[in-house]
Amino acid sequence: MIENERAPSAVEDEAPWLRRIAEIDLKQERLLDLRLDGDITPEQFRARSAELKDARAAAQDQLEAARSRLSRLKDLERRKDALVSHYAALVPQGLDELSPAEKNQIYNMMNLRVFASPNDTLIADWGCNISPLLPGSFRTRGT
């Protein structure tokens, strides 16, 4: 979940939206100056003012969405350790007392995979956010 929130398309900085809102506000001020100086008609002023109002509302919505995503990411990062502890507590304390078949069932529920390399290195991979494997299948990683 954290990696999904961190994805470049998902995490947007709020600074571009703040700049866009400031630009729109400046355009609104310029438009008002034009109207006060009599350089544009009331109809032109109303039409252009409505466009700027809509653009500002859209930028404000995007700003709020960016803030919401950043808030969710920070919350997920804060709760990550608690979540890992919670799932660790779900594993029976007496794992050594289980039969090999019971241990295998728990390892499958955890999506735990252990890979042995030719140099006697073991690599353990587990997680809740990856797609489960079919029984009897395994996943390999490119080196």
C-alpha atoms as a PDB file:
ATOM      1  CA  MET A   1       0.000   0.000   0.000  1.00  0.00           C
ATOM      2  CA  ILE A   2       2.855   2.357   0.851  1.00  0.00           C
ATOM      3  CA  GLU A   3       4.582   1.687  -2.462  1.00  0.00           C
ATOM      4  CA  ASN A   4       1.323   2.329  -4.325  1.00  0.00           C
ATOM      5  CA  GLU A   5       0.915   5.670  -2.542  1.00  0.00           C
ATOM      6  CA  ARG A   6       4.545   6.556  -3.299  1.00  0.00           C
ATOM      7  CA  ALA A   7       4.139   5.847  -7.027  1.00  0.00           C
ATOM      8  CA  PRO A   8       5.017   8.959  -9.077  1.00  0.00           C
ATOM      9  CA  SER A   9       1.541   9.147 -10.571  1.00  0.00           C
ATOM     10  CA  ALA A  10      -0.058   8.987  -7.134  1.00  0.00           C
ATOM     11  CA  VAL A  11       2.105  11.274  -5.043  1.00  0.00           C
ATOM     12  CA  GLU A  12       1.927  14.812  -6.284  1.00  0.00           C
ATOM     13  CA  ASP A  13       3.504  17.709  -4.528  1.00  0.00           C
ATOM     14  CA  GLU A  14       1.135  20.458  -3.482  1.00  0.00           C
ATOM     15  CA  ALA A  15       3.535  23.209  -4.623  1.00  0.00           C
ATOM     16  CA  PRO A  16       2.467  23.154  -8.317  1.00  0.00           C
ATOM     17  CA  TRP A  17      -1.182  23.513  -7.306  1.00  0.00           C
ATOM     18  CA  LEU A  18      -0.390  26.375  -4.934  1.00  0.00           C
ATOM     19  CA  ARG A  19       1.467  28.110  -7.790  1.00  0.00           C
ATOM     20  CA  ARG A  20      -1.472  27.520 -10.143  1.00  0.00           C
ATOM     21  CA  ILE A  21      -3.912  29.013  -7.626  1.00  0.00           C
ATOM     22  CA  ALA A  22      -1.644  32.043  -7.171  1.00  0.00           C
ATOM     23  CA  GLU A  23      -1.482  32.490 -10.967  1.00  0.00           C
ATOM     24  CA  ILE A  24      -5.263  32.355 -11.220  1.00  0.00           C
ATOM     25  CA  ASP A  25      -5.647  34.871  -8.389  1.00  0.00           C
ATOM     26  CA  LEU A  26      -3.251  37.211 -10.198  1.00  0.00           C
ATOM     27  CA  LYS A  27      -5.234  36.846 -13.424  1.00  0.00           C
ATOM     28  CA  GLN A  28      -8.426  37.664 -11.520  1.00  0.00           C
ATOM     29  CA  GLU A  29      -6.811  40.854 -10.189  1.00  0.00           C
ATOM     30  CA  ARG A  30      -5.667  41.837 -13.689  1.00  0.00           C
ATOM     31  CA  LEU A  31      -9.129  41.136 -15.057  1.00  0.00           C
ATOM     32  CA  LEU A  32     -10.689  43.359 -12.415  1.00  0.00           C
ATOM     33  CA  ASP A  33      -8.210  46.119 -13.270  1.00  0.00           C
ATOM     34  CA  LEU A  34      -9.187  45.832 -16.948  1.00  0.00           C
ATOM     35  CA  ARG A  35     -12.869  46.101 -16.029  1.00  0.00           C
ATOM     36  CA  LEU A  36     -12.327  49.054 -13.696  1.00  0.00           C
ATOM     37  CA  ASP A  37     -10.329  50.840 -16.402  1.00  0.00           C
ATOM     38  CA  GLY A  38     -13.169  50.213 -18.872  1.00  0.00           C
ATOM     39  CA  ASP A  39     -10.971  48.135 -21.203  1.00  0.00           C
ATOM     40  CA  ILE A  40     -13.453  45.219 -21.307  1.00  0.00           C
ATOM     41  CA  THR A  41     -17.240  44.999 -21.299  1.00  0.00           C
ATOM     42  CA  PRO A  42     -19.238  43.688 -18.347  1.00  0.00           C
ATOM     43  CA  GLU A  43     -20.138  40.600 -20.401  1.00  0.00           C
ATOM     44  CA  GLN A  44     -16.478  39.894 -21.173  1.00  0.00           C
ATOM     45  CA  PHE A  45     -15.620  40.402 -17.518  1.00  0.00           C
ATOM     46  CA  ARG A  46     -18.341  37.995 -16.345  1.00  0.00           C
ATOM     47  CA  ALA A  47     -17.407  35.326 -18.887  1.00  0.00           C
ATOM     48  CA  ARG A  48     -13.691  35.467 -18.150  1.00  0.00           C
ATOM     49  CA  SER A  49     -14.297  35.706 -14.408  1.00  0.00           C
ATOM     50  CA  ALA A  50     -16.446  32.549 -14.515  1.00  0.00           C
ATOM     51  CA  GLU A  51     -13.675  30.702 -16.397  1.00  0.00           C
ATOM     52  CA  LEU A  52     -11.105  31.741 -13.802  1.00  0.00           C
ATOM     53  CA  LYS A  53     -13.431  30.758 -10.965  1.00  0.00           C
ATOM     54  CA  ASP A  54     -13.861  27.284 -12.472  1.00  0.00           C
ATOM     55  CA  ALA A  55     -10.104  26.935 -13.034  1.00  0.00           C
ATOM     56  CA  ARG A  56      -9.411  27.951  -9.439  1.00  0.00           C
ATOM     57  CA  ALA A  57     -11.968  25.469  -8.098  1.00  0.00           C
ATOM     58  CA  ALA A  58     -10.369  22.675 -10.151  1.00  0.00           C
ATOM     59  CA  ALA A  59      -6.883  23.606  -8.940  1.00  0.00           C
ATOM     60  CA  GLN A  60      -8.155  23.743  -5.350  1.00  0.00           C
ATOM     61  CA  ASP A  61      -9.648  20.251  -5.763  1.00  0.00           C
ATOM     62  CA  GLN A  62      -6.312  18.957  -7.065  1.00  0.00           C
ATOM     63  CA  LEU A  63      -4.497  20.609  -4.171  1.00  0.00           C
ATOM     64  CA  GLU A  64      -6.810  18.916  -1.676  1.00  0.00           C
ATOM     65  CA  ALA A  65      -6.347  15.567  -3.450  1.00  0.00           C
ATOM     66  CA  ALA A  66      -2.556  15.935  -3.290  1.00  0.00           C
ATOM     67  CA  ARG A  67      -2.740  16.819   0.393  1.00  0.00           C
ATOM     68  CA  SER A  68      -4.999  13.843   1.034  1.00  0.00           C
ATOM     69  CA  ARG A  69      -2.611  11.441  -0.733  1.00  0.00           C
ATOM     70  CA  LEU A  70       0.363  12.821   1.196  1.00  0.00           C
ATOM     71  CA  SER A  71      -1.581  12.499   4.440  1.00  0.00           C
ATOM     72  CA  ARG A  72      -2.513   8.878   3.642  1.00  0.00           C
ATOM     73  CA  LEU A  73       1.133   8.087   2.842  1.00  0.00           C
ATOM     74  CA  LYS A  74       2.356   9.579   6.117  1.00  0.00           C
ATOM     75  CA  ASP A  75      -0.348   7.700   8.023  1.00  0.00           C
ATOM     76  CA  LEU A  76       0.556   4.408   6.335  1.00  0.00           C
ATOM     77  CA  GLU A  77       4.227   4.905   7.110  1.00  0.00           C
ATOM     78  CA  ARG A  78       3.422   5.646  10.772  1.00  0.00           C
ATOM     79  CA  ARG A  79       1.247   2.571  11.074  1.00  0.00           C
ATOM     80  CA  LYS A  80       3.555   0.204   9.166  1.00  0.00           C
ATOM     81  CA  ASP A  81       5.340  -1.103  12.252  1.00  0.00           C
ATOM     82  CA  ALA A  82       2.091  -1.629  14.121  1.00  0.00           C
ATOM     83  CA  LEU A  83       0.670  -3.516  11.144  1.00  0.00           C
ATOM     84  CA  VAL A  84       3.714  -5.788  10.897  1.00  0.00           C
ATOM     85  CA  SER A  85       3.492  -6.473  14.630  1.00  0.00           C
ATOM     86  CA  HIS A  86      -0.201  -7.272  14.277  1.00  0.00           C
ATOM     87  CA  TYR A  87       0.403  -9.802  11.509  1.00  0.00           C
ATOM     88  CA  ALA A  88       3.357 -11.287  13.381  1.00  0.00           C
ATOM     89  CA  ALA A  89       1.049 -11.844  16.363  1.00  0.00           C
ATOM     90  CA  LEU A  90      -1.306 -13.836  14.154  1.00  0.00           C
ATOM     91  CA  VAL A  91       1.373 -16.493  13.668  1.00  0.00           C
ATOM     92  CA  PRO A  92       1.125 -19.112  16.401  1.00  0.00           C
ATOM     93  CA  GLN A  93       3.676 -18.768  19.169  1.00  0.00           C
ATOM     94  CA  GLY A  94       4.361 -22.508  19.207  1.00  0.00           C
ATOM     95  CA  LEU A  95       5.528 -22.706  15.591  1.00  0.00           C
ATOM     96  CA  ASP A  96       8.174 -25.276  16.546  1.00  0.00           C
ATOM     97  CA  GLU A  97       5.448 -27.556  17.907  1.00  0.00           C
ATOM     98  CA  LEU A  98       3.523 -27.669  14.624  1.00  0.00           C
ATOM     99  CA  SER A  99       3.761 -30.502  12.154  1.00  0.00           C
ATOM    100  CA  PRO A 100       5.557 -29.838   8.854  1.00  0.00           C
ATOM    101  CA  ALA A 101       2.192 -29.729   7.048  1.00  0.00           C
ATOM    102  CA  GLU A 102       0.840 -27.130   9.529  1.00  0.00           C
ATOM    103  CA  LYS A 103       4.010 -25.049   9.180  1.00  0.00           C
ATOM    104  CA  ASN A 104       3.706 -25.226   5.403  1.00  0.00           C
ATOM    105  CA  GLN A 105       0.099 -24.034   5.622  1.00  0.00           C
ATOM    106  CA  ILE A 106       1.141 -21.010   7.709  1.00  0.00           C
ATOM    107  CA  TYR A 107       4.059 -20.219   5.371  1.00  0.00           C
ATOM    108  CA  ASN A 108       1.653 -20.318   2.422  1.00  0.00           C
ATOM    109  CA  MET A 109      -0.770 -17.997   4.232  1.00  0.00           C
ATOM    110  CA  MET A 110       2.125 -15.582   4.787  1.00  0.00           C
ATOM    111  CA  ASN A 111       3.119 -15.998   1.135  1.00  0.00           C
ATOM    112  CA  LEU A 112       6.584 -16.909   2.408  1.00  0.00           C
ATOM    113  CA  ARG A 113       9.068 -18.152  -0.150  1.00  0.00           C
ATOM    114  CA  VAL A 114      12.679 -19.075   0.582  1.00  0.00           C
ATOM    115  CA  PHE A 115      15.206 -19.289  -2.238  1.00  0.00           C
ATOM    116  CA  ALA A 116      18.538 -21.053  -1.909  1.00  0.00           C
ATOM    117  CA  SER A 117      21.367 -19.842  -4.122  1.00  0.00           C
ATOM    118  CA  PRO A 118      24.378 -21.927  -5.223  1.00  0.00           C
ATOM    119  CA  ASN A 119      26.634 -20.010  -2.784  1.00  0.00           C
ATOM    120  CA  ASP A 120      24.542 -21.241   0.201  1.00  0.00           C
ATOM    121  CA  THR A 121      22.729 -17.899   0.596  1.00  0.00           C
ATOM    122  CA  LEU A 122      19.071 -18.053   1.597  1.00  0.00           C
ATOM    123  CA  ILE A 123      16.666 -15.341   0.489  1.00  0.00           C
ATOM    124  CA  ALA A 124      13.291 -15.098   2.205  1.00  0.00           C
ATOM    125  CA  ASP A 125      10.483 -13.182   0.514  1.00  0.00           C
ATOM    126  CA  TRP A 126       7.050 -12.620   2.023  1.00  0.00           C
ATOM    127  CA  GLY A 127       4.302 -10.078   1.931  1.00  0.00           C
ATOM    128  CA  CYS A 128       0.639  -9.378   1.884  1.00  0.00           C
ATOM    129  CA  ASN A 129       0.668  -7.050  -1.098  1.00  0.00           C
ATOM    130  CA  ILE A 130       1.924  -9.416  -3.790  1.00  0.00           C
ATOM    131  CA  SER A 131      -0.306 -11.727  -5.740  1.00  0.00           C
ATOM    132  CA  PRO A 132      -0.549 -15.208  -4.260  1.00  0.00           C
ATOM    133  CA  LEU A 133       1.055 -18.101  -6.071  1.00  0.00           C
ATOM    134  CA  LEU A 134      -0.784 -21.177  -7.167  1.00  0.00           C
ATOM    135  CA  PRO A 135      -0.132 -24.251  -5.015  1.00  0.00           C
ATOM    136  CA  GLY A 136       3.062 -25.986  -6.132  1.00  0.00           C
ATOM    137  CA  SER A 137       4.296 -22.988  -8.120  1.00  0.00           C
ATOM    138  CA  PHE A 138       7.155 -20.662  -7.333  1.00  0.00           C
ATOM    139  CA  ARG A 139       8.392 -17.251  -8.387  1.00  0.00           C
ATOM    140  CA  THR A 140      11.924 -16.534  -9.480  1.00  0.00           C
ATOM    141  CA  ARG A 141      13.640 -13.201  -9.655  1.00  0.00           C
ATOM    142  CA  GLY A 142      16.045 -12.064 -12.340  1.00  0.00           C
ATOM    143  CA  THR A 143      19.604 -11.529 -11.143  1.00  0.00           C
END
